[in-house]
PDB file of N, CA and C in Angstrom:
ATOM      1  N   MET A   1     112.311 107.681  77.473  1.00  0.00           N
ATOM      2  CA  MET A   1     111.167 107.858  78.346  1.00  0.00           C
ATOM      3  C   MET A   1     110.279 106.553  78.382  1.00  0.00           C
ATOM      4  N   GLU A   2     110.039 106.236  76.991  1.00  0.00           N
ATOM      5  CA  GLU A   2     109.033 104.956  76.874  1.00  0.00           C
ATOM      6  C   GLU A   2     109.702 103.746  77.368  1.00  0.00           C
ATOM      7  N   LYS A   3     110.959 103.570  77.316  1.00  0.00           N
ATOM      8  CA  LYS A   3     111.655 102.486  78.017  1.00  0.00           C
ATOM      9  C   LYS A   3     111.458 102.538  79.494  1.00  0.00           C
ATOM     10  N   SER A   4     111.462 103.792  80.047  1.00  0.00           N
ATOM     11  CA  SER A   4     111.390 103.877  81.622  1.00  0.00           C
ATOM     12  C   SER A   4     109.989 103.588  81.987  1.00  0.00           C
ATOM     13  N   LEU A   5     109.131 104.008  81.235  1.00  0.00           N
ATOM     14  CA  LEU A   5     107.673 103.791  81.563  1.00  0.00           C
ATOM     15  C   LEU A   5     107.257 102.283  81.245  1.00  0.00           C
ATOM     16  N   LYS A   6     107.899 101.655  80.358  1.00  0.00           N
ATOM     17  CA  LYS A   6     107.605 100.244  80.108  1.00  0.00           C
ATOM     18  C   LYS A   6     108.091  99.502  81.359  1.00  0.00           C
ATOM     19  N   GLY A   7     109.345  99.864  81.875  1.00  0.00           N
ATOM     20  CA  GLY A   7     109.954  99.191  83.011  1.00  0.00           C
ATOM     21  C   GLY A   7     109.110  99.433  84.247  1.00  0.00           C
ATOM     22  N   LEU A   8     108.706 100.632  84.515  1.00  0.00           N
ATOM     23  CA  LEU A   8     107.811 100.880  85.556  1.00  0.00           C
ATOM     24  C   LEU A   8     106.502  99.993  85.530  1.00  0.00           C
ATOM     25  N   LEU A   9     105.843  99.977  84.409  1.00  0.00           N
ATOM     26  CA  LEU A   9     104.536  99.137  84.275  1.00  0.00           C
ATOM     27  C   LEU A   9     104.865  97.646  84.373  1.00  0.00           C
ATOM     28  N   GLN A  10     105.962  97.113  84.082  1.00  0.00           N
ATOM     29  CA  GLN A  10     106.386  95.835  84.311  1.00  0.00           C
ATOM     30  C   GLN A  10     106.560  95.536  85.871  1.00  0.00           C
ATOM     31  N   ALA A  11     107.095  96.408  86.621  1.00  0.00           N
ATOM     32  CA  ALA A  11     107.451  96.318  87.964  1.00  0.00           C
ATOM     33  C   ALA A  11     106.009  96.306  88.745  1.00  0.00           C
ATOM     34  N   VAL A  12     105.121  97.172  88.273  1.00  0.00           N
ATOM     35  CA  VAL A  12     103.839  97.327  88.930  1.00  0.00           C
ATOM     36  C   VAL A  12     103.044  95.958  88.676  1.00  0.00           C
ATOM     37  N   GLU A  13     103.213  95.544  87.505  1.00  0.00           N
ATOM     38  CA  GLU A  13     102.499  94.102  87.244  1.00  0.00           C
ATOM     39  C   GLU A  13     103.080  93.038  88.064  1.00  0.00           C
ATOM     40  N   LYS A  14     104.289  92.919  88.240  1.00  0.00           N
ATOM     41  CA  LYS A  14     104.873  91.870  89.024  1.00  0.00           C
ATOM     42  C   LYS A  14     104.334  92.096  90.492  1.00  0.00           C
ATOM     43  N   GLU A  15     104.327  93.288  91.021  1.00  0.00           N
ATOM     44  CA  GLU A  15     103.848  93.394  92.457  1.00  0.00           C
ATOM     45  C   GLU A  15     102.484  93.120  92.597  1.00  0.00           C
ATOM     46  N   VAL A  16     101.613  93.464  91.598  1.00  0.00           N
ATOM     47  CA  VAL A  16     100.167  93.254  91.616  1.00  0.00           C
ATOM     48  C   VAL A  16      99.904  91.615  91.410  1.00  0.00           C
ATOM     49  N   LEU A  17     100.618  90.973  90.703  1.00  0.00           N
ATOM     50  CA  LEU A  17     100.541  89.662  90.422  1.00  0.00           C
ATOM     51  C   LEU A  17     101.053  88.647  91.696  1.00  0.00           C
ATOM     52  N   ARG A  18     102.070  89.296  92.281  1.00  0.00           N
ATOM     53  CA  ARG A  18     102.817  88.726  93.441  1.00  0.00           C
ATOM     54  C   ARG A  18     101.732  88.313  94.497  1.00  0.00           C
ATOM     55  N   LYS A  19     100.991  89.367  95.090  1.00  0.00           N
ATOM     56  CA  LYS A  19     100.096  89.180  96.115  1.00  0.00           C
ATOM     57  C   LYS A  19      98.864  89.976  95.946  1.00  0.00           C
ATOM     58  N   PRO A  20      97.643  89.336  95.645  1.00  0.00           N
ATOM     59  CA  PRO A  20      96.584  90.091  95.451  1.00  0.00           C
ATOM     60  C   PRO A  20      95.943  90.541  96.834  1.00  0.00           C
ATOM     61  N   ASN A  21      95.242  91.813  96.754  1.00  0.00           N
ATOM     62  CA  ASN A  21      94.693  92.160  98.001  1.00  0.00           C
ATOM     63  C   ASN A  21      93.519  91.483  98.539  1.00  0.00           C
ATOM     64  N   ARG A  22      93.119  91.795  99.821  1.00  0.00           N
ATOM     65  CA  ARG A  22      92.094  90.788 100.450  1.00  0.00           C
ATOM     66  C   ARG A  22      90.772  90.979  99.696  1.00  0.00           C
ATOM     67  N   LYS A  23      90.373  92.094  99.232  1.00  0.00           N
ATOM     68  CA  LYS A  23      89.122  92.162  98.407  1.00  0.00           C
ATOM     69  C   LYS A  23      89.102  91.288  97.233  1.00  0.00           C
ATOM     70  N   THR A  24      90.354  91.251  96.453  1.00  0.00           N
ATOM     71  CA  THR A  24      90.338  90.325  95.368  1.00  0.00           C
ATOM     72  C   THR A  24      90.159  88.829  95.749  1.00  0.00           C
ATOM     73  N   LEU A  25      90.963  88.482  96.873  1.00  0.00           N
ATOM     74  CA  LEU A  25      90.784  87.153  97.403  1.00  0.00           C
ATOM     75  C   LEU A  25      89.450  86.750  97.821  1.00  0.00           C
ATOM     76  N   ASP A  26      88.743  87.831  98.460  1.00  0.00           N
ATOM     77  CA  ASP A  26      87.366  87.522  98.981  1.00  0.00           C
ATOM     78  C   ASP A  26      86.474  87.297  97.645  1.00  0.00           C
ATOM     79  N   ARG A  27      86.600  88.032  96.573  1.00  0.00           N
ATOM     80  CA  ARG A  27      85.727  87.933  95.395  1.00  0.00           C
ATOM     81  C   ARG A  27      86.063  86.646  94.791  1.00  0.00           C
ATOM     82  N   LEU A  28      87.278  86.082  94.598  1.00  0.00           N
ATOM     83  CA  LEU A  28      87.531  84.847  94.056  1.00  0.00           C
ATOM     84  C   LEU A  28      86.974  83.689  94.816  1.00  0.00           C
ATOM     85  N   SER A  29      86.961  83.819  96.134  1.00  0.00           N
ATOM     86  CA  SER A  29      86.493  82.814  97.003  1.00  0.00           C
ATOM     87  C   SER A  29      85.012  82.674  96.732  1.00  0.00           C
ATOM     88  N   LEU A  30      84.309  83.881  96.597  1.00  0.00           N
ATOM     89  CA  LEU A  30      82.890  83.831  96.316  1.00  0.00           C
ATOM     90  C   LEU A  30      82.689  83.128  95.097  1.00  0.00           C
ATOM     91  N   LEU A  31      83.420  83.193  94.046  1.00  0.00           N
ATOM     92  CA  LEU A  31      83.276  82.561  92.722  1.00  0.00           C
ATOM     93  C   LEU A  31      83.439  81.021  93.059  1.00  0.00           C
ATOM     94  N   ALA A  32      84.295  80.673  93.877  1.00  0.00           N
ATOM     95  CA  ALA A  32      84.521  79.252  94.144  1.00  0.00           C
ATOM     96  C   ALA A  32      83.378  78.600  95.152  1.00  0.00           C
ATOM     97  N   GLY A  33      82.351  79.473  95.621  1.00  0.00           N
ATOM     98  CA  GLY A  33      81.503  78.983  96.459  1.00  0.00           C
ATOM     99  C   GLY A  33      81.560  79.058  98.003  1.00  0.00           C
ATOM    100  N   PHE A  34      82.483  79.997  98.307  1.00  0.00           N
ATOM    101  CA  PHE A  34      82.684  80.215  99.817  1.00  0.00           C
ATOM    102  C   PHE A  34      82.351  81.622 100.171  1.00  0.00           C
ATOM    103  N   GLN A  35      82.097  81.832 101.415  1.00  0.00           N
ATOM    104  CA  GLN A  35      81.702  83.063 101.794  1.00  0.00           C
ATOM    105  C   GLN A  35      82.764  84.272 101.754  1.00  0.00           C
ATOM    106  N   ASP A  36      84.026  83.836 102.011  1.00  0.00           N
ATOM    107  CA  ASP A  36      85.128  84.760 102.091  1.00  0.00           C
ATOM    108  C   ASP A  36      86.412  84.029 101.969  1.00  0.00           C
ATOM    109  N   TRP A  37      87.493  84.704 101.891  1.00  0.00           N
ATOM    110  CA  TRP A  37      88.817  84.113 101.886  1.00  0.00           C
ATOM    111  C   TRP A  37      89.108  83.203 103.079  1.00  0.00           C
ATOM    112  N   ASP A  38      88.753  83.623 104.252  1.00  0.00           N
ATOM    113  CA  ASP A  38      88.978  82.859 105.426  1.00  0.00           C
ATOM    114  C   ASP A  38      88.307  81.474 105.436  1.00  0.00           C
ATOM    115  N   SER A  39      87.001  81.552 104.938  1.00  0.00           N
ATOM    116  CA  SER A  39      86.308  80.220 104.852  1.00  0.00           C
ATOM    117  C   SER A  39      86.883  79.340 103.827  1.00  0.00           C
ATOM    118  N   PHE A  40      87.460  79.891 102.689  1.00  0.00           N
ATOM    119  CA  PHE A  40      88.084  79.285 101.658  1.00  0.00           C
ATOM    120  C   PHE A  40      89.313  78.585 102.210  1.00  0.00           C
ATOM    121  N   GLN A  41      90.091  79.298 102.848  1.00  0.00           N
ATOM    122  CA  GLN A  41      91.468  78.821 103.472  1.00  0.00           C
ATOM    123  C   GLN A  41      91.150  77.682 104.730  1.00  0.00           C
ATOM    124  N   ARG A  42      89.938  77.841 105.403  1.00  0.00           N
ATOM    125  CA  ARG A  42      89.773  76.767 106.299  1.00  0.00           C
ATOM    126  C   ARG A  42      89.344  75.493 105.781  1.00  0.00           C
ATOM    127  N   ALA A  43      88.568  75.502 104.423  1.00  0.00           N
ATOM    128  CA  ALA A  43      88.310  74.445 103.917  1.00  0.00           C
ATOM    129  C   ALA A  43      89.419  73.633 103.342  1.00  0.00           C
ATOM    130  N   PHE A  44      90.544  74.356 102.829  1.00  0.00           N
ATOM    131  CA  PHE A  44      91.610  73.493 102.400  1.00  0.00           C
ATOM    132  C   PHE A  44      92.837  73.406 103.358  1.00  0.00           C
ATOM    133  N   ASN A  45      92.725  74.143 104.400  1.00  0.00           N
ATOM    134  CA  ASN A  45      93.873  74.044 105.399  1.00  0.00           C
ATOM    135  C   ASN A  45      93.328  73.249 106.587  1.00  0.00           C
ATOM    136  N   GLY A  46      92.234  72.748 106.743  1.00  0.00           N
ATOM    137  CA  GLY A  46      91.660  71.985 107.644  1.00  0.00           C
ATOM    138  C   GLY A  46      91.399  72.715 109.100  1.00  0.00           C
ATOM    139  N   GLY A  47      91.020  73.998 108.787  1.00  0.00           N
ATOM    140  CA  GLY A  47      90.953  74.689 109.881  1.00  0.00           C
ATOM    141  C   GLY A  47      92.169  75.546 110.562  1.00  0.00           C
ATOM    142  N   ALA A  48      93.342  75.329 109.921  1.00  0.00           N
ATOM    143  CA  ALA A  48      94.493  76.018 110.363  1.00  0.00           C
ATOM    144  C   ALA A  48      94.508  77.358 109.808  1.00  0.00           C
ATOM    145  N   LYS A  49      94.943  78.300 110.791  1.00  0.00           N
ATOM    146  CA  LYS A  49      94.883  79.657 110.409  1.00  0.00           C
ATOM    147  C   LYS A  49      96.178  79.933 109.774  1.00  0.00           C
ATOM    148  N   ASN A  50      96.013  80.713 108.502  1.00  0.00           N
ATOM    149  CA  ASN A  50      97.193  81.045 107.725  1.00  0.00           C
ATOM    150  C   ASN A  50      97.909  82.230 108.418  1.00  0.00           C
ATOM    151  N   ASN A  51      99.174  82.342 108.411  1.00  0.00           N
ATOM    152  CA  ASN A  51      99.906  83.260 109.099  1.00  0.00           C
ATOM    153  C   ASN A  51     100.302  84.479 108.226  1.00  0.00           C
ATOM    154  N   GLU A  52      99.956  84.506 107.057  1.00  0.00           N
ATOM    155  CA  GLU A  52     100.162  85.714 106.033  1.00  0.00           C
ATOM    156  C   GLU A  52      99.364  86.862 106.346  1.00  0.00           C
ATOM    157  N   GLU A  53      99.929  87.904 106.433  1.00  0.00           N
ATOM    158  CA  GLU A  53      99.162  89.302 106.710  1.00  0.00           C
ATOM    159  C   GLU A  53      98.716  89.724 105.399  1.00  0.00           C
ATOM    160  N   GLU A  54      97.667  90.638 105.627  1.00  0.00           N
ATOM    161  CA  GLU A  54      97.043  91.188 104.380  1.00  0.00           C
ATOM    162  C   GLU A  54      97.944  92.313 104.016  1.00  0.00           C
TER     163      GLU A  54
END
């Protein structure tokens, strides 16, 4: 049972680390001095819109 739980927790950690949600990205962008994730991306992509979905 403990081994199964450990495997489940590892799978969840991988998924969470793989793609942060929009709220997390907005908060990280605020820490970097931007209004939101979109403004952060525009600053680094030269205004190009990212095709990733939330």
